[in-house]
C-alpha atoms as a PDB file:
ATOM      1  CA  UNK A   1      99.778  20.805  43.718  1.00  0.00           C
ATOM      2  CA  UNK A   2     100.358  20.307  47.446  1.00  0.00           C
ATOM      3  CA  UNK A   3      97.902  22.714  49.091  1.00  0.00           C
ATOM      4  CA  UNK A   4      99.046  21.765  52.605  1.00  0.00           C
ATOM      5  CA  UNK A   5     102.648  22.736  51.872  1.00  0.00           C
ATOM      6  CA  UNK A   6     101.452  26.021  50.348  1.00  0.00           C
ATOM      7  CA  UNK A   7      99.273  26.842  53.390  1.00  0.00           C
ATOM      8  CA  UNK A   8     102.044  25.963  55.851  1.00  0.00           C
ATOM      9  CA  UNK A   9     104.527  28.105  53.932  1.00  0.00           C
ATOM     10  CA  UNK A  10     102.193  31.114  53.840  1.00  0.00           C
ATOM     11  CA  UNK A  11     101.496  30.764  57.587  1.00  0.00           C
ATOM     12  CA  UNK A  12     105.234  30.646  58.212  1.00  0.00           C
ATOM     13  CA  UNK A  13     105.873  33.830  56.225  1.00  0.00           C
ATOM     14  CA  UNK A  14     102.924  35.559  57.900  1.00  0.00           C
ATOM     15  CA  UNK A  15     104.239  34.726  61.377  1.00  0.00           C
ATOM     16  CA  UNK A  16     107.596  36.237  60.400  1.00  0.00           C
ATOM     17  CA  UNK A  17     105.815  39.461  59.412  1.00  0.00           C
ATOM     18  CA  UNK A  18     103.767  39.500  62.645  1.00  0.00           C
ATOM     19  CA  UNK A  19     106.892  38.961  64.749  1.00  0.00           C
ATOM     20  CA  UNK A  20     108.659  41.851  63.009  1.00  0.00           C
ATOM     21  CA  UNK A  21     105.675  44.170  63.488  1.00  0.00           C
ATOM     22  CA  UNK A  22     105.262  43.155  67.141  1.00  0.00           C
ATOM     23  CA  UNK A  23     108.850  44.150  67.915  1.00  0.00           C
ATOM     24  CA  UNK A  24     109.210  47.158  65.591  1.00  0.00           C
ATOM     25  CA  UNK A  25     110.911  50.219  67.075  1.00  0.00           C
ATOM     26  CA  UNK A  26     111.481  48.361  70.343  1.00  0.00           C
ATOM     27  CA  UNK A  27     107.794  47.611  70.882  1.00  0.00           C
ATOM     28  CA  UNK A  28     106.532  44.457  72.564  1.00  0.00           C
ATOM     29  CA  UNK A  29     102.969  44.176  71.275  1.00  0.00           C
ATOM     30  CA  UNK A  30     100.726  41.684  73.128  1.00  0.00           C
ATOM     31  CA  UNK A  31     100.040  38.554  71.069  1.00  0.00           C
ATOM     32  CA  UNK A  32      98.042  36.383  73.477  1.00  0.00           C
ATOM     33  CA  UNK A  33      94.822  36.826  71.489  1.00  0.00           C
ATOM     34  CA  UNK A  34      96.282  35.920  68.098  1.00  0.00           C
ATOM     35  CA  UNK A  35      95.507  32.186  68.136  1.00  0.00           C
ATOM     36  CA  UNK A  36      91.901  32.816  69.203  1.00  0.00           C
ATOM     37  CA  UNK A  37      91.444  35.526  66.586  1.00  0.00           C
ATOM     38  CA  UNK A  38      92.813  33.313  63.811  1.00  0.00           C
ATOM     39  CA  UNK A  39      90.585  30.418  64.883  1.00  0.00           C
ATOM     40  CA  UNK A  40      87.392  32.495  64.941  1.00  0.00           C
ATOM     41  CA  UNK A  41      88.084  34.241  61.656  1.00  0.00           C
ATOM     42  CA  UNK A  42      89.053  31.014  59.905  1.00  0.00           C
ATOM     43  CA  UNK A  43      85.842  29.374  61.111  1.00  0.00           C
ATOM     44  CA  UNK A  44      83.834  32.352  59.857  1.00  0.00           C
ATOM     45  CA  UNK A  45      85.493  32.285  56.429  1.00  0.00           C
ATOM     46  CA  UNK A  46      85.095  28.505  56.100  1.00  0.00           C
ATOM     47  CA  UNK A  47      81.401  28.797  56.942  1.00  0.00           C
ATOM     48  CA  UNK A  48      81.121  31.541  54.324  1.00  0.00           C
ATOM     49  CA  UNK A  49      82.500  28.990  51.838  1.00  0.00           C
ATOM     50  CA  UNK A  50      79.532  26.748  52.669  1.00  0.00           C
ATOM     51  CA  UNK A  51      81.269  24.241  54.961  1.00  0.00           C
ATOM     52  CA  UNK A  52      79.447  22.715  57.928  1.00  0.00           C
ATOM     53  CA  UNK A  53      80.678  22.474  61.520  1.00  0.00           C
ATOM     54  CA  UNK A  54      81.577  18.777  61.252  1.00  0.00           C
ATOM     55  CA  UNK A  55      83.817  19.368  58.238  1.00  0.00           C
ATOM     56  CA  UNK A  56      85.429  22.428  59.847  1.00  0.00           C
ATOM     57  CA  UNK A  57      86.072  20.518  63.086  1.00  0.00           C
ATOM     58  CA  UNK A  58      87.770  17.780  61.057  1.00  0.00           C
ATOM     59  CA  UNK A  59      89.927  20.345  59.280  1.00  0.00           C
ATOM     60  CA  UNK A  60      91.163  21.594  62.668  1.00  0.00           C
ATOM     61  CA  UNK A  61      91.678  18.047  63.895  1.00  0.00           C
ATOM     62  CA  UNK A  62      89.110  18.536  66.668  1.00  0.00           C
ATOM     63  CA  UNK A  63      86.310  16.346  67.906  1.00  0.00           C
ATOM     64  CA  UNK A  64      82.979  18.025  67.189  1.00  0.00           C
ATOM     65  CA  UNK A  65      82.267  18.444  70.913  1.00  0.00           C
ATOM     66  CA  UNK A  66      85.674  20.079  71.516  1.00  0.00           C
ATOM     67  CA  UNK A  67      85.168  22.322  68.497  1.00  0.00           C
ATOM     68  CA  UNK A  68      81.790  23.564  69.762  1.00  0.00           C
ATOM     69  CA  UNK A  69      83.200  24.108  73.259  1.00  0.00           C
ATOM     70  CA  UNK A  70      86.001  26.265  71.876  1.00  0.00           C
ATOM     71  CA  UNK A  71      83.556  28.237  69.747  1.00  0.00           C
ATOM     72  CA  UNK A  72      81.391  28.898  72.813  1.00  0.00           C
ATOM     73  CA  UNK A  73      84.393  30.223  74.743  1.00  0.00           C
ATOM     74  CA  UNK A  74      85.305  32.628  71.977  1.00  0.00           C
ATOM     75  CA  UNK A  75      81.839  33.631  70.800  1.00  0.00           C
ATOM     76  CA  UNK A  76      79.769  36.495  72.183  1.00  0.00           C
ATOM     77  CA  UNK A  77      79.101  36.407  75.900  1.00  0.00           C
ATOM     78  CA  UNK A  78      75.478  36.304  77.044  1.00  0.00           C
ATOM     79  CA  UNK A  79      76.503  38.481  79.988  1.00  0.00           C
ATOM     80  CA  UNK A  80      78.372  41.142  77.987  1.00  0.00           C
ATOM     81  CA  UNK A  81      76.714  41.690  74.621  1.00  0.00           C
ATOM     82  CA  UNK A  82      79.097  42.602  71.824  1.00  0.00           C
ATOM     83  CA  UNK A  83      82.105  40.978  73.530  1.00  0.00           C
ATOM     84  CA  UNK A  84      83.450  37.477  73.164  1.00  0.00           C
ATOM     85  CA  UNK A  85      83.384  35.465  76.370  1.00  0.00           C
ATOM     86  CA  UNK A  86      87.192  35.451  76.298  1.00  0.00           C
ATOM     87  CA  UNK A  87      87.327  39.263  76.117  1.00  0.00           C
ATOM     88  CA  UNK A  88      84.551  39.753  78.650  1.00  0.00           C
ATOM     89  CA  UNK A  89      86.144  37.543  81.336  1.00  0.00           C
ATOM     90  CA  UNK A  90      89.534  39.188  80.836  1.00  0.00           C
ATOM     91  CA  UNK A  91      88.068  42.698  81.086  1.00  0.00           C
ATOM     92  CA  UNK A  92      86.096  41.785  84.202  1.00  0.00           C
ATOM     93  CA  UNK A  93      89.125  40.415  86.067  1.00  0.00           C
ATOM     94  CA  UNK A  94      91.238  43.380  84.941  1.00  0.00           C
ATOM     95  CA  UNK A  95      88.629  45.779  86.334  1.00  0.00           C
ATOM     96  CA  UNK A  96      88.465  44.022  89.717  1.00  0.00           C
ATOM     97  CA  UNK A  97      92.109  43.175  90.382  1.00  0.00           C
ATOM     98  CA  UNK A  98      91.970  39.869  92.274  1.00  0.00           C
ATOM     99  CA  UNK A  99      88.892  37.620  92.279  1.00  0.00           C
ATOM    100  CA  UNK A 100      87.834  34.231  93.543  1.00  0.00           C
ATOM    101  CA  UNK A 101      86.856  31.796  90.818  1.00  0.00           C
ATOM    102  CA  UNK A 102      83.396  31.635  92.405  1.00  0.00           C
ATOM    103  CA  UNK A 103      83.048  35.404  91.880  1.00  0.00           C
ATOM    104  CA  UNK A 104      83.831  35.046  88.173  1.00  0.00           C
ATOM    105  CA  UNK A 105      81.408  32.147  87.736  1.00  0.00           C
ATOM    106  CA  UNK A 106      78.708  34.097  89.568  1.00  0.00           C
ATOM    107  CA  UNK A 107      79.225  37.152  87.362  1.00  0.00           C
ATOM    108  CA  UNK A 108      78.949  35.020  84.210  1.00  0.00           C
ATOM    109  CA  UNK A 109      76.132  32.800  85.447  1.00  0.00           C
ATOM    110  CA  UNK A 110      74.200  33.325  82.201  1.00  0.00           C
ATOM    111  CA  UNK A 111      77.070  31.748  80.231  1.00  0.00           C
ATOM    112  CA  UNK A 112      77.925  28.064  80.122  1.00  0.00           C
ATOM    113  CA  UNK A 113      79.996  27.310  83.263  1.00  0.00           C
ATOM    114  CA  UNK A 114      82.306  24.872  81.480  1.00  0.00           C
ATOM    115  CA  UNK A 115      83.028  27.535  78.869  1.00  0.00           C
ATOM    116  CA  UNK A 116      83.833  30.136  81.540  1.00  0.00           C
ATOM    117  CA  UNK A 117      86.202  27.701  83.253  1.00  0.00           C
ATOM    118  CA  UNK A 118      87.792  26.981  79.884  1.00  0.00           C
ATOM    119  CA  UNK A 119      88.302  30.703  79.252  1.00  0.00           C
ATOM    120  CA  UNK A 120      89.954  31.151  82.651  1.00  0.00           C
ATOM    121  CA  UNK A 121      92.347  28.314  81.826  1.00  0.00           C
ATOM    122  CA  UNK A 122      93.101  29.828  78.410  1.00  0.00           C
ATOM    123  CA  UNK A 123      93.839  33.211  79.988  1.00  0.00           C
ATOM    124  CA  UNK A 124      96.171  31.681  82.550  1.00  0.00           C
ATOM    125  CA  UNK A 125      97.952  29.621  79.889  1.00  0.00           C
ATOM    126  CA  UNK A 126      98.411  32.733  77.739  1.00  0.00           C
ATOM    127  CA  UNK A 127      99.879  34.747  80.638  1.00  0.00           C
ATOM    128  CA  UNK A 128      97.024  37.254  80.743  1.00  0.00           C
ATOM    129  CA  UNK A 129      95.921  36.059  84.205  1.00  0.00           C
ATOM    130  CA  UNK A 130      97.760  34.619  87.212  1.00  0.00           C
ATOM    131  CA  UNK A 131      96.155  31.853  89.277  1.00  0.00           C
ATOM    132  CA  UNK A 132      96.827  30.913  92.881  1.00  0.00           C
ATOM    133  CA  UNK A 133      95.170  28.617  95.426  1.00  0.00           C
ATOM    134  CA  UNK A 134      93.170  25.452  94.811  1.00  0.00           C
ATOM    135  CA  UNK A 135      89.546  24.412  94.437  1.00  0.00           C
ATOM    136  CA  UNK A 136      87.161  26.870  96.195  1.00  0.00           C
ATOM    137  CA  UNK A 137      90.084  29.076  97.233  1.00  0.00           C
ATOM    138  CA  UNK A 138      91.342  29.545  93.657  1.00  0.00           C
ATOM    139  CA  UNK A 139      91.920  33.222  92.866  1.00  0.00           C
ATOM    140  CA  UNK A 140      92.770  35.038  89.643  1.00  0.00           C
ATOM    141  CA  UNK A 141      94.727  38.238  89.180  1.00  0.00           C
ATOM    142  CA  UNK A 142      95.163  40.145  85.924  1.00  0.00           C
ATOM    143  CA  UNK A 143      98.674  40.579  84.558  1.00  0.00           C
ATOM    144  CA  UNK A 144      99.997  44.138  84.703  1.00  0.00           C
ATOM    145  CA  UNK A 145      98.691  46.215  81.822  1.00  0.00           C
ATOM    146  CA  UNK A 146     101.722  48.514  81.880  1.00  0.00           C
ATOM    147  CA  UNK A 147     103.760  46.400  79.491  1.00  0.00           C
ATOM    148  CA  UNK A 148     100.726  45.335  77.444  1.00  0.00           C
ATOM    149  CA  UNK A 149      99.639  48.913  76.795  1.00  0.00           C
ATOM    150  CA  UNK A 150     103.089  50.389  76.201  1.00  0.00           C
ATOM    151  CA  UNK A 151     103.142  49.721  72.468  1.00  0.00           C
ATOM    152  CA  UNK A 152      99.468  50.650  72.106  1.00  0.00           C
ATOM    153  CA  UNK A 153     100.143  54.075  73.605  1.00  0.00           C
ATOM    154  CA  UNK A 154     102.597  54.762  70.813  1.00  0.00           C
ATOM    155  CA  UNK A 155      99.755  54.738  68.270  1.00  0.00           C
ATOM    156  CA  UNK A 156      98.629  58.341  67.813  1.00  0.00           C
ATOM    157  CA  UNK A 157      95.089  59.213  66.826  1.00  0.00           C
ATOM    158  CA  UNK A 158      96.363  60.234  63.409  1.00  0.00           C
ATOM    159  CA  UNK A 159      98.223  56.961  62.946  1.00  0.00           C
ATOM    160  CA  UNK A 160      95.121  54.901  63.717  1.00  0.00           C
ATOM    161  CA  UNK A 161      93.007  57.199  61.567  1.00  0.00           C
ATOM    162  CA  UNK A 162      95.236  56.510  58.587  1.00  0.00           C
ATOM    163  CA  UNK A 163      94.678  52.804  59.086  1.00  0.00           C
ATOM    164  CA  UNK A 164      90.903  53.357  59.196  1.00  0.00           C
ATOM    165  CA  UNK A 165      91.179  55.591  56.125  1.00  0.00           C
ATOM    166  CA  UNK A 166      92.746  52.760  54.117  1.00  0.00           C
ATOM    167  CA  UNK A 167      90.008  50.362  55.252  1.00  0.00           C
ATOM    168  CA  UNK A 168      87.218  52.806  54.296  1.00  0.00           C
ATOM    169  CA  UNK A 169      88.774  53.342  50.873  1.00  0.00           C
ATOM    170  CA  UNK A 170      89.111  49.619  50.281  1.00  0.00           C
ATOM    171  CA  UNK A 171      85.699  48.525  51.627  1.00  0.00           C
ATOM    172  CA  UNK A 172      83.504  51.635  51.421  1.00  0.00           C
ATOM    173  CA  UNK A 173      80.756  52.545  51.620  1.00  0.00           C
ATOM    174  CA  UNK A 174      81.142  50.789  54.949  1.00  0.00           C
ATOM    175  CA  UNK A 175      79.558  51.059  58.405  1.00  0.00           C
ATOM    176  CA  UNK A 176      81.494  51.221  61.701  1.00  0.00           C
ATOM    177  CA  UNK A 177      80.149  47.746  62.522  1.00  0.00           C
ATOM    178  CA  UNK A 178      81.596  46.371  59.291  1.00  0.00           C
ATOM    179  CA  UNK A 179      84.866  48.210  59.872  1.00  0.00           C
ATOM    180  CA  UNK A 180      85.181  46.625  63.308  1.00  0.00           C
ATOM    181  CA  UNK A 181      85.262  43.222  61.612  1.00  0.00           C
ATOM    182  CA  UNK A 182      88.105  44.366  59.366  1.00  0.00           C
ATOM    183  CA  UNK A 183      90.176  46.246  61.939  1.00  0.00           C
ATOM    184  CA  UNK A 184      90.778  44.872  65.429  1.00  0.00           C
ATOM    185  CA  UNK A 185      90.164  48.044  67.424  1.00  0.00           C
ATOM    186  CA  UNK A 186      87.703  49.224  70.043  1.00  0.00           C
ATOM    187  CA  UNK A 187      84.463  51.036  69.196  1.00  0.00           C
ATOM    188  CA  UNK A 188      85.669  54.185  70.969  1.00  0.00           C
ATOM    189  CA  UNK A 189      88.949  54.277  69.015  1.00  0.00           C
ATOM    190  CA  UNK A 190      87.131  53.592  65.747  1.00  0.00           C
ATOM    191  CA  UNK A 191      84.619  56.400  66.315  1.00  0.00           C
ATOM    192  CA  UNK A 192      87.402  58.819  67.259  1.00  0.00           C
ATOM    193  CA  UNK A 193      89.353  57.905  64.123  1.00  0.00           C
ATOM    194  CA  UNK A 194      86.291  58.321  61.893  1.00  0.00           C
ATOM    195  CA  UNK A 195      85.580  61.701  63.487  1.00  0.00           C
ATOM    196  CA  UNK A 196      89.166  62.796  62.812  1.00  0.00           C
ATOM    197  CA  UNK A 197      88.894  61.656  59.179  1.00  0.00           C
ATOM    198  CA  UNK A 198      85.559  63.438  58.640  1.00  0.00           C
ATOM    199  CA  UNK A 199      86.927  66.684  60.142  1.00  0.00           C
ATOM    200  CA  UNK A 200      90.018  66.396  57.932  1.00  0.00           C
ATOM    201  CA  UNK A 201      87.824  65.914  54.866  1.00  0.00           C
ATOM    202  CA  UNK A 202      89.298  62.497  54.076  1.00  0.00           C
ATOM    203  CA  UNK A 203      86.062  60.509  54.388  1.00  0.00           C
ATOM    204  CA  UNK A 204      82.403  61.470  54.231  1.00  0.00           C
ATOM    205  CA  UNK A 205      79.420  59.981  56.070  1.00  0.00           C
ATOM    206  CA  UNK A 206      76.445  58.768  54.045  1.00  0.00           C
ATOM    207  CA  UNK A 207      73.340  59.166  56.242  1.00  0.00           C
ATOM    208  CA  UNK A 208      70.261  57.067  55.678  1.00  0.00           C
ATOM    209  CA  UNK A 209      69.396  53.494  56.380  1.00  0.00           C
ATOM    210  CA  UNK A 210      69.821  51.711  59.659  1.00  0.00           C
ATOM    211  CA  UNK A 211      73.324  53.046  60.274  1.00  0.00           C
ATOM    212  CA  UNK A 212      75.724  55.649  58.900  1.00  0.00           C
ATOM    213  CA  UNK A 213      78.131  54.432  56.258  1.00  0.00           C
ATOM    214  CA  UNK A 214      81.421  56.042  55.273  1.00  0.00           C
ATOM    215  CA  UNK A 215      83.177  56.359  51.944  1.00  0.00           C
ATOM    216  CA  UNK A 216      86.072  58.191  50.316  1.00  0.00           C
ATOM    217  CA  UNK A 217      87.126  58.675  46.720  1.00  0.00           C
ATOM    218  CA  UNK A 218      90.869  58.554  47.359  1.00  0.00           C
ATOM    219  CA  UNK A 219      93.395  57.609  50.006  1.00  0.00           C
ATOM    220  CA  UNK A 220      96.875  59.068  49.746  1.00  0.00           C
ATOM    221  CA  UNK A 221      99.344  58.980  52.635  1.00  0.00           C
ATOM    222  CA  UNK A 222     102.291  61.187  51.560  1.00  0.00           C
ATOM    223  CA  UNK A 223     105.688  59.595  51.113  1.00  0.00           C
ATOM    224  CA  UNK A 224     107.778  60.374  54.191  1.00  0.00           C
ATOM    225  CA  UNK A 225     104.772  61.093  56.440  1.00  0.00           C
ATOM    226  CA  UNK A 226     105.871  60.833  60.127  1.00  0.00           C
ATOM    227  CA  UNK A 227     102.839  58.720  61.003  1.00  0.00           C
ATOM    228  CA  UNK A 228     100.796  56.179  59.127  1.00  0.00           C
ATOM    229  CA  UNK A 229     103.392  53.551  58.269  1.00  0.00           C
ATOM    230  CA  UNK A 230     101.021  50.969  59.788  1.00  0.00           C
ATOM    231  CA  UNK A 231      98.384  51.995  57.258  1.00  0.00           C
ATOM    232  CA  UNK A 232     100.875  51.610  54.420  1.00  0.00           C
ATOM    233  CA  UNK A 233     101.832  48.100  55.568  1.00  0.00           C
ATOM    234  CA  UNK A 234      98.147  47.184  55.914  1.00  0.00           C
ATOM    235  CA  UNK A 235      97.367  48.554  52.444  1.00  0.00           C
ATOM    236  CA  UNK A 236     100.284  46.701  50.825  1.00  0.00           C
ATOM    237  CA  UNK A 237      99.422  43.412  52.500  1.00  0.00           C
ATOM    238  CA  UNK A 238      95.696  43.697  51.776  1.00  0.00           C
ATOM    239  CA  UNK A 239      96.332  44.553  48.118  1.00  0.00           C
ATOM    240  CA  UNK A 240      98.524  41.486  47.731  1.00  0.00           C
ATOM    241  CA  UNK A 241      96.005  39.217  49.476  1.00  0.00           C
ATOM    242  CA  UNK A 242      93.121  40.639  47.426  1.00  0.00           C
ATOM    243  CA  UNK A 243      94.979  39.907  44.190  1.00  0.00           C
ATOM    244  CA  UNK A 244      95.769  36.344  45.262  1.00  0.00           C
ATOM    245  CA  UNK A 245      92.244  35.606  46.527  1.00  0.00           C
ATOM    246  CA  UNK A 246      90.666  37.026  43.363  1.00  0.00           C
ATOM    247  CA  UNK A 247      92.968  34.860  41.241  1.00  0.00           C
ATOM    248  CA  UNK A 248      92.202  31.695  43.208  1.00  0.00           C
ATOM    249  CA  UNK A 249      88.447  32.346  43.157  1.00  0.00           C
ATOM    250  CA  UNK A 250      88.525  32.774  39.381  1.00  0.00           C
ATOM    251  CA  UNK A 251      89.480  29.114  39.003  1.00  0.00           C
ATOM    252  CA  UNK A 252      92.255  30.009  36.533  1.00  0.00           C
ATOM    253  CA  UNK A 253      95.412  29.269  38.469  1.00  0.00           C
ATOM    254  CA  UNK A 254      97.734  29.547  35.475  1.00  0.00           C
ATOM    255  CA  UNK A 255      99.043  32.901  34.265  1.00  0.00           C
ATOM    256  CA  UNK A 256      98.648  34.503  30.861  1.00  0.00           C
ATOM    257  CA  UNK A 257     100.369  37.605  29.537  1.00  0.00           C
ATOM    258  CA  UNK A 258      96.986  39.237  28.947  1.00  0.00           C
ATOM    259  CA  UNK A 259      95.744  38.722  32.524  1.00  0.00           C
ATOM    260  CA  UNK A 260      94.445  41.799  34.383  1.00  0.00           C
ATOM    261  CA  UNK A 261      94.277  39.845  37.652  1.00  0.00           C
ATOM    262  CA  UNK A 262      97.269  38.232  39.335  1.00  0.00           C
ATOM    263  CA  UNK A 263     100.858  39.112  40.057  1.00  0.00           C
ATOM    264  CA  UNK A 264     104.401  38.645  38.840  1.00  0.00           C
ATOM    265  CA  UNK A 265     107.658  38.382  40.743  1.00  0.00           C
ATOM    266  CA  UNK A 266     110.993  39.196  39.125  1.00  0.00           C
ATOM    267  CA  UNK A 267     114.342  38.508  40.784  1.00  0.00           C
ATOM    268  CA  UNK A 268     117.601  40.073  39.606  1.00  0.00           C
ATOM    269  CA  UNK A 269     121.044  38.930  40.769  1.00  0.00           C
ATOM    270  CA  UNK A 270     123.332  41.965  40.837  1.00  0.00           C
ATOM    271  CA  UNK A 271     126.560  43.241  42.333  1.00  0.00           C
ATOM    272  CA  UNK A 272     127.865  46.797  42.953  1.00  0.00           C
ATOM    273  CA  UNK A 273     129.727  47.019  39.626  1.00  0.00           C
ATOM    274  CA  UNK A 274     126.935  45.431  37.581  1.00  0.00           C
ATOM    275  CA  UNK A 275     126.156  47.626  34.506  1.00  0.00           C
ATOM    276  CA  UNK A 276     122.357  47.251  34.996  1.00  0.00           C
ATOM    277  CA  UNK A 277     122.268  47.770  38.781  1.00  0.00           C
ATOM    278  CA  UNK A 278     121.072  51.397  38.689  1.00  0.00           C
ATOM    279  CA  UNK A 279     118.441  50.523  36.099  1.00  0.00           C
ATOM    280  CA  UNK A 280     117.046  47.697  38.238  1.00  0.00           C
ATOM    281  CA  UNK A 281     117.092  49.722  41.478  1.00  0.00           C
ATOM    282  CA  UNK A 282     115.350  52.600  39.712  1.00  0.00           C
ATOM    283  CA  UNK A 283     112.536  50.388  38.416  1.00  0.00           C
ATOM    284  CA  UNK A 284     110.202  50.909  41.385  1.00  0.00           C
ATOM    285  CA  UNK A 285     110.866  54.660  41.384  1.00  0.00           C
ATOM    286  CA  UNK A 286     109.804  54.831  37.744  1.00  0.00           C
ATOM    287  CA  UNK A 287     106.724  52.670  38.340  1.00  0.00           C
ATOM    288  CA  UNK A 288     105.714  54.752  41.374  1.00  0.00           C
ATOM    289  CA  UNK A 289     106.063  58.034  39.466  1.00  0.00           C
ATOM    290  CA  UNK A 290     103.965  56.715  36.591  1.00  0.00           C
ATOM    291  CA  UNK A 291     101.384  55.305  39.024  1.00  0.00           C
ATOM    292  CA  UNK A 292     101.083  58.631  40.888  1.00  0.00           C
ATOM    293  CA  UNK A 293     100.650  60.592  37.676  1.00  0.00           C
ATOM    294  CA  UNK A 294      98.015  58.178  36.372  1.00  0.00           C
ATOM    295  CA  UNK A 295      96.118  58.198  39.687  1.00  0.00           C
ATOM    296  CA  UNK A 296      96.028  62.004  39.715  1.00  0.00           C
ATOM    297  CA  UNK A 297      94.729  62.010  36.135  1.00  0.00           C
ATOM    298  CA  UNK A 298      91.939  59.532  36.995  1.00  0.00           C
ATOM    299  CA  UNK A 299      90.969  61.354  40.201  1.00  0.00           C
ATOM    300  CA  UNK A 300      90.861  64.704  38.381  1.00  0.00           C
ATOM    301  CA  UNK A 301      88.535  63.301  35.726  1.00  0.00           C
ATOM    302  CA  UNK A 302      86.293  61.628  38.334  1.00  0.00           C
ATOM    303  CA  UNK A 303      86.058  64.872  40.332  1.00  0.00           C
ATOM    304  CA  UNK A 304      84.969  66.796  37.239  1.00  0.00           C
ATOM    305  CA  UNK A 305      82.537  64.252  35.811  1.00  0.00           C
ATOM    306  CA  UNK A 306      81.272  62.529  38.974  1.00  0.00           C
ATOM    307  CA  UNK A 307      80.748  58.819  39.350  1.00  0.00           C
ATOM    308  CA  UNK A 308      78.343  57.153  36.896  1.00  0.00           C
ATOM    309  CA  UNK A 309      75.317  55.082  37.877  1.00  0.00           C
ATOM    310  CA  UNK A 310      76.888  51.905  36.488  1.00  0.00           C
ATOM    311  CA  UNK A 311      78.825  49.650  38.841  1.00  0.00           C
ATOM    312  CA  UNK A 312      82.442  50.875  38.872  1.00  0.00           C
ATOM    313  CA  UNK A 313      85.492  48.643  38.558  1.00  0.00           C
ATOM    314  CA  UNK A 314      88.294  49.055  41.071  1.00  0.00           C
ATOM    315  CA  UNK A 315      91.789  48.339  39.764  1.00  0.00           C
ATOM    316  CA  UNK A 316      94.335  47.587  42.484  1.00  0.00           C
ATOM    317  CA  UNK A 317      97.950  47.746  41.348  1.00  0.00           C
ATOM    318  CA  UNK A 318     100.597  46.734  43.865  1.00  0.00           C
ATOM    319  CA  UNK A 319     104.351  47.063  43.357  1.00  0.00           C
ATOM    320  CA  UNK A 320     107.039  46.338  45.911  1.00  0.00           C
ATOM    321  CA  UNK A 321     110.737  45.588  45.989  1.00  0.00           C
ATOM    322  CA  UNK A 322     113.481  44.702  48.400  1.00  0.00           C
ATOM    323  CA  UNK A 323     117.226  44.373  48.054  1.00  0.00           C
ATOM    324  CA  UNK A 324     118.655  41.653  50.276  1.00  0.00           C
ATOM    325  CA  UNK A 325     121.890  42.890  51.810  1.00  0.00           C
ATOM    326  CA  UNK A 326     121.537  46.545  50.770  1.00  0.00           C
ATOM    327  CA  UNK A 327     120.879  47.851  54.308  1.00  0.00           C
ATOM    328  CA  UNK A 328     123.817  45.865  55.651  1.00  0.00           C
ATOM    329  CA  UNK A 329     125.960  47.409  52.921  1.00  0.00           C
ATOM    330  CA  UNK A 330     124.774  50.958  53.721  1.00  0.00           C
ATOM    331  CA  UNK A 331     125.139  50.556  57.493  1.00  0.00           C
ATOM    332  CA  UNK A 332     128.787  49.573  57.088  1.00  0.00           C
ATOM    333  CA  UNK A 333     129.651  52.773  55.156  1.00  0.00           C
END
């Protein structure tokens, strides 16, 4: 099995999905942070697998010194706690308009100077900052936020709350700090979304301990809801990834008919006059109806009996379909 080909193919398909989401409904979502986010999260997951920095640096094709320098640039700033150095420098320049490089270095004097210079270069290369002048006269100006925030403004509080709702259902009981590692959103937006969900009765806070944790027994976004499609996409994608990761971690990479973990893909070649076309196209509708009825039955029983003390199992069933060419066919009618 060629793992490298598999990884490259998955990355390719994921970038296609990201590109479609970034331009959905005419949006132009900012993507400058994506490479940094992927790097940091990959490093974190590889460390969680027990790998050391030298091995991880080799996997990225980086010298150990370069690897550590990049980590320092992206890790938490000593000047702004809770923010990566990359985020902190960007926010500082955005708040000030135009700044001399010396002003930036002075503001972040508690951070490694080489790392701050590296962040400034990264931000210029990514188009987030503009640079002019040379040496001591070098100045930086933040790119206009008008275009960058345009797509973000389209996200209503309810739409973001639905996304948080899915994350609480999947990971709960979960704290806001843990949620912030799952969802890339600000603390203020996260708290507002959680407040909206609590008021709506969708999630409940569990006081006690060092911090409040949130949980919910169900998460249902109605079919045809005007907002929340982002949450549905997130839920679909996460369910698929969870199934694949669970299968890989089990060590059993072959499939058996009796498996409760894994997935199956079925492809049907049809044409408009095919005698089984309606049956195939109706398959997902039938599965969805059966799934809804079964979920309601389980939730009704759980509400009456309450959850037991024993550790519960969570069954995640994901079903999806697409018909290549169907939309083109319908749009030409």
